[in-house]
């Protein structure tokens, strides 16, 4: 999207008409996140209160009929960070209206996957997430390249169909 100012994440959701899907493929993100640190220390986390902006944004979008789905490819046994994500998913993602599925990495071998996590909006606008080796966000890349969107849509749908609903998945 050369020449245009990139929309904010909130604007991407506001402008979304039918679907927003997110594929996560890392076993750890932002290990310096205060919520993760508090969780590791044994503090109770109220996800909707901890991330009210996310909760409100997703609730607003799903409330107007946009389908928001998230699929996570995870190594098993799961990392400590994935266990944290699993424990906050019901109170944040699911409560806000997202659908979430989990796919053990061993079952993802035959799936053609892009090299990075991404969000795909309305099957045509891809927000690619670039992270460093420790899982900290480096930058976001926005593209409307039809081939990239097609790869991301195909990868997501294959992971989704192979995954287990959050309510049924038990991390090991």
C-alpha atoms as a PDB file:
ATOM      1  CA  UNK A   1       0.000   0.000   0.000  1.00  0.00           C
ATOM      2  CA  UNK A   2       2.553   2.519  -1.159  1.00  0.00           C
ATOM      3  CA  UNK A   3       1.799   6.206  -0.998  1.00  0.00           C
ATOM      4  CA  UNK A   4      -1.048   5.918   1.481  1.00  0.00           C
ATOM      5  CA  UNK A   5      -0.846   6.334   5.213  1.00  0.00           C
ATOM      6  CA  UNK A   6      -1.389   2.946   6.813  1.00  0.00           C
ATOM      7  CA  UNK A   7      -4.606   2.609   8.801  1.00  0.00           C
ATOM      8  CA  UNK A   8      -4.412   1.946  12.515  1.00  0.00           C
ATOM      9  CA  UNK A   9      -5.335  -1.480  13.849  1.00  0.00           C
ATOM     10  CA  UNK A  10      -8.586  -0.036  15.190  1.00  0.00           C
ATOM     11  CA  UNK A  11      -9.366   1.437  11.743  1.00  0.00           C
ATOM     12  CA  UNK A  12      -8.734  -1.942  10.113  1.00  0.00           C
ATOM     13  CA  UNK A  13     -11.376  -3.433  12.403  1.00  0.00           C
ATOM     14  CA  UNK A  14     -13.761  -0.490  11.967  1.00  0.00           C
ATOM     15  CA  UNK A  15     -13.550  -0.809   8.171  1.00  0.00           C
ATOM     16  CA  UNK A  16     -13.905  -4.595   8.173  1.00  0.00           C
ATOM     17  CA  UNK A  17     -17.162  -5.695   6.567  1.00  0.00           C
ATOM     18  CA  UNK A  18     -17.401  -9.479   6.897  1.00  0.00           C
ATOM     19  CA  UNK A  19     -14.388 -11.265   8.392  1.00  0.00           C
ATOM     20  CA  UNK A  20     -11.158 -10.820  10.290  1.00  0.00           C
ATOM     21  CA  UNK A  21      -8.985 -13.893  10.810  1.00  0.00           C
ATOM     22  CA  UNK A  22      -5.716 -14.173  12.682  1.00  0.00           C
ATOM     23  CA  UNK A  23      -3.121 -16.931  12.436  1.00  0.00           C
ATOM     24  CA  UNK A  24      -0.574 -17.212  15.257  1.00  0.00           C
ATOM     25  CA  UNK A  25       2.358 -19.586  14.838  1.00  0.00           C
ATOM     26  CA  UNK A  26       4.835 -18.688  17.585  1.00  0.00           C
ATOM     27  CA  UNK A  27       5.226 -20.365  20.972  1.00  0.00           C
ATOM     28  CA  UNK A  28       5.902 -17.097  22.744  1.00  0.00           C
ATOM     29  CA  UNK A  29       5.180 -13.410  22.410  1.00  0.00           C
ATOM     30  CA  UNK A  30       6.272 -10.331  24.336  1.00  0.00           C
ATOM     31  CA  UNK A  31       7.668 -12.143  27.350  1.00  0.00           C
ATOM     32  CA  UNK A  32       8.199  -8.729  28.964  1.00  0.00           C
ATOM     33  CA  UNK A  33       4.419  -8.124  28.874  1.00  0.00           C
ATOM     34  CA  UNK A  34       3.357  -7.048  32.385  1.00  0.00           C
ATOM     35  CA  UNK A  35       0.261  -9.274  32.232  1.00  0.00           C
ATOM     36  CA  UNK A  36       2.394 -12.329  31.458  1.00  0.00           C
ATOM     37  CA  UNK A  37       4.815 -11.391  34.242  1.00  0.00           C
ATOM     38  CA  UNK A  38       1.921 -10.985  36.705  1.00  0.00           C
ATOM     39  CA  UNK A  39       0.428 -14.324  35.607  1.00  0.00           C
ATOM     40  CA  UNK A  40       3.799 -16.044  36.075  1.00  0.00           C
ATOM     41  CA  UNK A  41       3.921 -14.585  39.589  1.00  0.00           C
ATOM     42  CA  UNK A  42       0.576 -16.225  40.352  1.00  0.00           C
ATOM     43  CA  UNK A  43      -1.615 -13.141  40.143  1.00  0.00           C
ATOM     44  CA  UNK A  44      -5.176 -13.593  38.921  1.00  0.00           C
ATOM     45  CA  UNK A  45      -5.732 -11.966  35.519  1.00  0.00           C
ATOM     46  CA  UNK A  46      -9.138 -10.573  34.537  1.00  0.00           C
ATOM     47  CA  UNK A  47      -8.608 -10.458  30.768  1.00  0.00           C
ATOM     48  CA  UNK A  48     -11.459  -8.091  29.841  1.00  0.00           C
ATOM     49  CA  UNK A  49     -10.341  -5.639  32.531  1.00  0.00           C
ATOM     50  CA  UNK A  50      -6.655  -6.024  31.634  1.00  0.00           C
ATOM     51  CA  UNK A  51      -7.200  -5.370  27.906  1.00  0.00           C
ATOM     52  CA  UNK A  52     -10.402  -3.271  27.775  1.00  0.00           C
ATOM     53  CA  UNK A  53      -9.567  -1.619  24.429  1.00  0.00           C
ATOM     54  CA  UNK A  54      -9.232  -5.010  22.718  1.00  0.00           C
ATOM     55  CA  UNK A  55     -12.351  -6.365  24.367  1.00  0.00           C
ATOM     56  CA  UNK A  56     -14.403  -3.306  23.349  1.00  0.00           C
ATOM     57  CA  UNK A  57     -13.070  -3.240  19.780  1.00  0.00           C
ATOM     58  CA  UNK A  58     -13.756  -6.918  19.118  1.00  0.00           C
ATOM     59  CA  UNK A  59     -17.148  -6.772  20.856  1.00  0.00           C
ATOM     60  CA  UNK A  60     -18.137  -3.815  18.700  1.00  0.00           C
ATOM     61  CA  UNK A  61     -17.042  -5.540  15.469  1.00  0.00           C
ATOM     62  CA  UNK A  62     -18.609  -8.915  16.235  1.00  0.00           C
ATOM     63  CA  UNK A  63     -21.732  -7.107  17.435  1.00  0.00           C
ATOM     64  CA  UNK A  64     -22.262  -5.775  13.919  1.00  0.00           C
ATOM     65  CA  UNK A  65     -21.913  -9.232  12.401  1.00  0.00           C
ATOM     66  CA  UNK A  66     -18.224  -9.426  11.456  1.00  0.00           C
ATOM     67  CA  UNK A  67     -16.842 -12.928  11.969  1.00  0.00           C
ATOM     68  CA  UNK A  68     -13.595 -12.791  13.990  1.00  0.00           C
ATOM     69  CA  UNK A  69     -11.627 -16.033  14.159  1.00  0.00           C
ATOM     70  CA  UNK A  70      -8.202 -16.829  15.575  1.00  0.00           C
ATOM     71  CA  UNK A  71      -6.187 -20.010  15.004  1.00  0.00           C
ATOM     72  CA  UNK A  72      -3.068 -20.877  16.962  1.00  0.00           C
ATOM     73  CA  UNK A  73      -0.470 -23.424  15.907  1.00  0.00           C
ATOM     74  CA  UNK A  74       1.321 -24.575  19.058  1.00  0.00           C
ATOM     75  CA  UNK A  75       4.099 -26.938  20.019  1.00  0.00           C
ATOM     76  CA  UNK A  76       3.228 -29.602  22.568  1.00  0.00           C
ATOM     77  CA  UNK A  77       3.966 -29.779  25.368  1.00  0.00           C
ATOM     78  CA  UNK A  78       2.947 -26.113  25.258  1.00  0.00           C
ATOM     79  CA  UNK A  79       5.264 -23.323  26.343  1.00  0.00           C
ATOM     80  CA  UNK A  80       4.577 -21.334  29.466  1.00  0.00           C
ATOM     81  CA  UNK A  81       3.462 -18.405  27.315  1.00  0.00           C
ATOM     82  CA  UNK A  82       0.951 -20.542  25.387  1.00  0.00           C
ATOM     83  CA  UNK A  83      -0.452 -21.807  28.697  1.00  0.00           C
ATOM     84  CA  UNK A  84      -0.913 -18.138  29.690  1.00  0.00           C
ATOM     85  CA  UNK A  85      -2.649 -17.388  26.371  1.00  0.00           C
ATOM     86  CA  UNK A  86      -4.877 -20.420  26.804  1.00  0.00           C
ATOM     87  CA  UNK A  87      -5.922 -19.304  30.286  1.00  0.00           C
ATOM     88  CA  UNK A  88      -6.887 -15.757  29.207  1.00  0.00           C
ATOM     89  CA  UNK A  89      -8.582 -16.747  25.920  1.00  0.00           C
ATOM     90  CA  UNK A  90     -12.023 -17.539  27.397  1.00  0.00           C
ATOM     91  CA  UNK A  91     -12.265 -14.280  29.342  1.00  0.00           C
ATOM     92  CA  UNK A  92     -10.969 -12.072  26.538  1.00  0.00           C
ATOM     93  CA  UNK A  93     -11.198 -13.463  23.022  1.00  0.00           C
ATOM     94  CA  UNK A  94     -14.205 -15.753  23.400  1.00  0.00           C
ATOM     95  CA  UNK A  95     -16.048 -13.330  25.701  1.00  0.00           C
ATOM     96  CA  UNK A  96     -15.623 -10.548  23.103  1.00  0.00           C
ATOM     97  CA  UNK A  97     -17.079 -12.728  20.347  1.00  0.00           C
ATOM     98  CA  UNK A  98     -14.032 -14.309  18.718  1.00  0.00           C
ATOM     99  CA  UNK A  99     -13.904 -17.961  17.821  1.00  0.00           C
ATOM    100  CA  UNK A 100     -10.570 -19.607  18.659  1.00  0.00           C
ATOM    101  CA  UNK A 101      -9.065 -22.925  17.597  1.00  0.00           C
ATOM    102  CA  UNK A 102      -5.790 -24.620  18.486  1.00  0.00           C
ATOM    103  CA  UNK A 103      -3.701 -26.876  16.253  1.00  0.00           C
ATOM    104  CA  UNK A 104      -0.780 -28.886  17.603  1.00  0.00           C
ATOM    105  CA  UNK A 105       2.268 -28.168  15.438  1.00  0.00           C
ATOM    106  CA  UNK A 106       2.773 -31.896  14.719  1.00  0.00           C
ATOM    107  CA  UNK A 107      -0.540 -31.848  12.844  1.00  0.00           C
ATOM    108  CA  UNK A 108       0.481 -28.813  10.727  1.00  0.00           C
ATOM    109  CA  UNK A 109       3.319 -30.453   8.786  1.00  0.00           C
ATOM    110  CA  UNK A 110       1.371 -30.853   5.542  1.00  0.00           C
ATOM    111  CA  UNK A 111      -0.027 -27.291   5.532  1.00  0.00           C
ATOM    112  CA  UNK A 112       1.486 -24.593   3.303  1.00  0.00           C
ATOM    113  CA  UNK A 113       1.989 -21.714   5.742  1.00  0.00           C
ATOM    114  CA  UNK A 114       3.258 -18.162   5.263  1.00  0.00           C
ATOM    115  CA  UNK A 115       6.428 -17.317   7.149  1.00  0.00           C
ATOM    116  CA  UNK A 116       4.768 -14.860   9.509  1.00  0.00           C
ATOM    117  CA  UNK A 117       1.718 -14.427  11.695  1.00  0.00           C
ATOM    118  CA  UNK A 118      -0.962 -12.322  10.059  1.00  0.00           C
ATOM    119  CA  UNK A 119      -4.416 -10.800  10.191  1.00  0.00           C
ATOM    120  CA  UNK A 120      -6.560 -11.120   7.063  1.00  0.00           C
ATOM    121  CA  UNK A 121      -9.445  -8.652   6.729  1.00  0.00           C
ATOM    122  CA  UNK A 122     -12.300  -9.382   4.338  1.00  0.00           C
ATOM    123  CA  UNK A 123     -10.137 -11.955   2.538  1.00  0.00           C
ATOM    124  CA  UNK A 124      -8.201  -9.205   0.767  1.00  0.00           C
ATOM    125  CA  UNK A 125      -6.182  -7.021   3.148  1.00  0.00           C
ATOM    126  CA  UNK A 126      -3.308  -8.712   4.978  1.00  0.00           C
ATOM    127  CA  UNK A 127      -1.570  -7.265   8.023  1.00  0.00           C
ATOM    128  CA  UNK A 128       1.682  -9.194   8.420  1.00  0.00           C
ATOM    129  CA  UNK A 129       3.210  -9.257  11.900  1.00  0.00           C
ATOM    130  CA  UNK A 130       7.008  -9.265  12.140  1.00  0.00           C
ATOM    131  CA  UNK A 131       8.580 -10.307  15.455  1.00  0.00           C
ATOM    132  CA  UNK A 132      12.109 -10.626  16.787  1.00  0.00           C
ATOM    133  CA  UNK A 133      13.449 -13.915  18.141  1.00  0.00           C
ATOM    134  CA  UNK A 134      12.050 -13.187  21.604  1.00  0.00           C
ATOM    135  CA  UNK A 135       8.538 -12.548  20.305  1.00  0.00           C
ATOM    136  CA  UNK A 136       8.573  -8.774  20.570  1.00  0.00           C
ATOM    137  CA  UNK A 137       6.791  -6.950  17.766  1.00  0.00           C
ATOM    138  CA  UNK A 138       9.132  -5.291  15.286  1.00  0.00           C
ATOM    139  CA  UNK A 139       6.788  -3.938  12.646  1.00  0.00           C
ATOM    140  CA  UNK A 140       3.621  -4.530  10.688  1.00  0.00           C
ATOM    141  CA  UNK A 141       3.390  -4.784   6.930  1.00  0.00           C
ATOM    142  CA  UNK A 142       0.139  -4.165   5.077  1.00  0.00           C
ATOM    143  CA  UNK A 143      -0.534  -5.653   1.655  1.00  0.00           C
ATOM    144  CA  UNK A 144      -3.412  -6.153  -0.736  1.00  0.00           C
ATOM    145  CA  UNK A 145      -1.367  -8.429  -3.003  1.00  0.00           C
ATOM    146  CA  UNK A 146      -3.948 -10.985  -4.188  1.00  0.00           C
ATOM    147  CA  UNK A 147      -1.452 -13.878  -4.129  1.00  0.00           C
ATOM    148  CA  UNK A 148      -0.445 -13.141  -0.525  1.00  0.00           C
ATOM    149  CA  UNK A 149      -4.102 -12.817   0.489  1.00  0.00           C
ATOM    150  CA  UNK A 150      -4.899 -16.117  -1.253  1.00  0.00           C
ATOM    151  CA  UNK A 151      -2.020 -17.936   0.517  1.00  0.00           C
ATOM    152  CA  UNK A 152      -3.016 -16.496   3.891  1.00  0.00           C
ATOM    153  CA  UNK A 153      -6.700 -17.348   3.380  1.00  0.00           C
ATOM    154  CA  UNK A 154      -5.874 -20.898   2.324  1.00  0.00           C
ATOM    155  CA  UNK A 155      -3.441 -21.420   5.212  1.00  0.00           C
ATOM    156  CA  UNK A 156      -5.882 -20.056   7.750  1.00  0.00           C
ATOM    157  CA  UNK A 157      -8.819 -22.133   6.526  1.00  0.00           C
ATOM    158  CA  UNK A 158      -6.744 -25.319   6.484  1.00  0.00           C
ATOM    159  CA  UNK A 159      -5.492 -24.680  10.024  1.00  0.00           C
ATOM    160  CA  UNK A 160      -9.031 -23.800  11.111  1.00  0.00           C
ATOM    161  CA  UNK A 161     -10.511 -26.999   9.711  1.00  0.00           C
ATOM    162  CA  UNK A 162      -7.750 -29.079  11.329  1.00  0.00           C
ATOM    163  CA  UNK A 163      -7.840 -27.275  14.666  1.00  0.00           C
ATOM    164  CA  UNK A 164      -9.705 -27.954  17.889  1.00  0.00           C
ATOM    165  CA  UNK A 165     -12.188 -25.444  19.311  1.00  0.00           C
ATOM    166  CA  UNK A 166     -10.938 -23.652  22.402  1.00  0.00           C
ATOM    167  CA  UNK A 167     -13.708 -25.192  24.499  1.00  0.00           C
ATOM    168  CA  UNK A 168     -12.502 -28.685  23.596  1.00  0.00           C
ATOM    169  CA  UNK A 169      -8.731 -28.169  23.466  1.00  0.00           C
ATOM    170  CA  UNK A 170      -6.646 -29.133  26.490  1.00  0.00           C
ATOM    171  CA  UNK A 171      -3.043 -27.995  26.406  1.00  0.00           C
ATOM    172  CA  UNK A 172      -0.531 -30.620  27.302  1.00  0.00           C
END
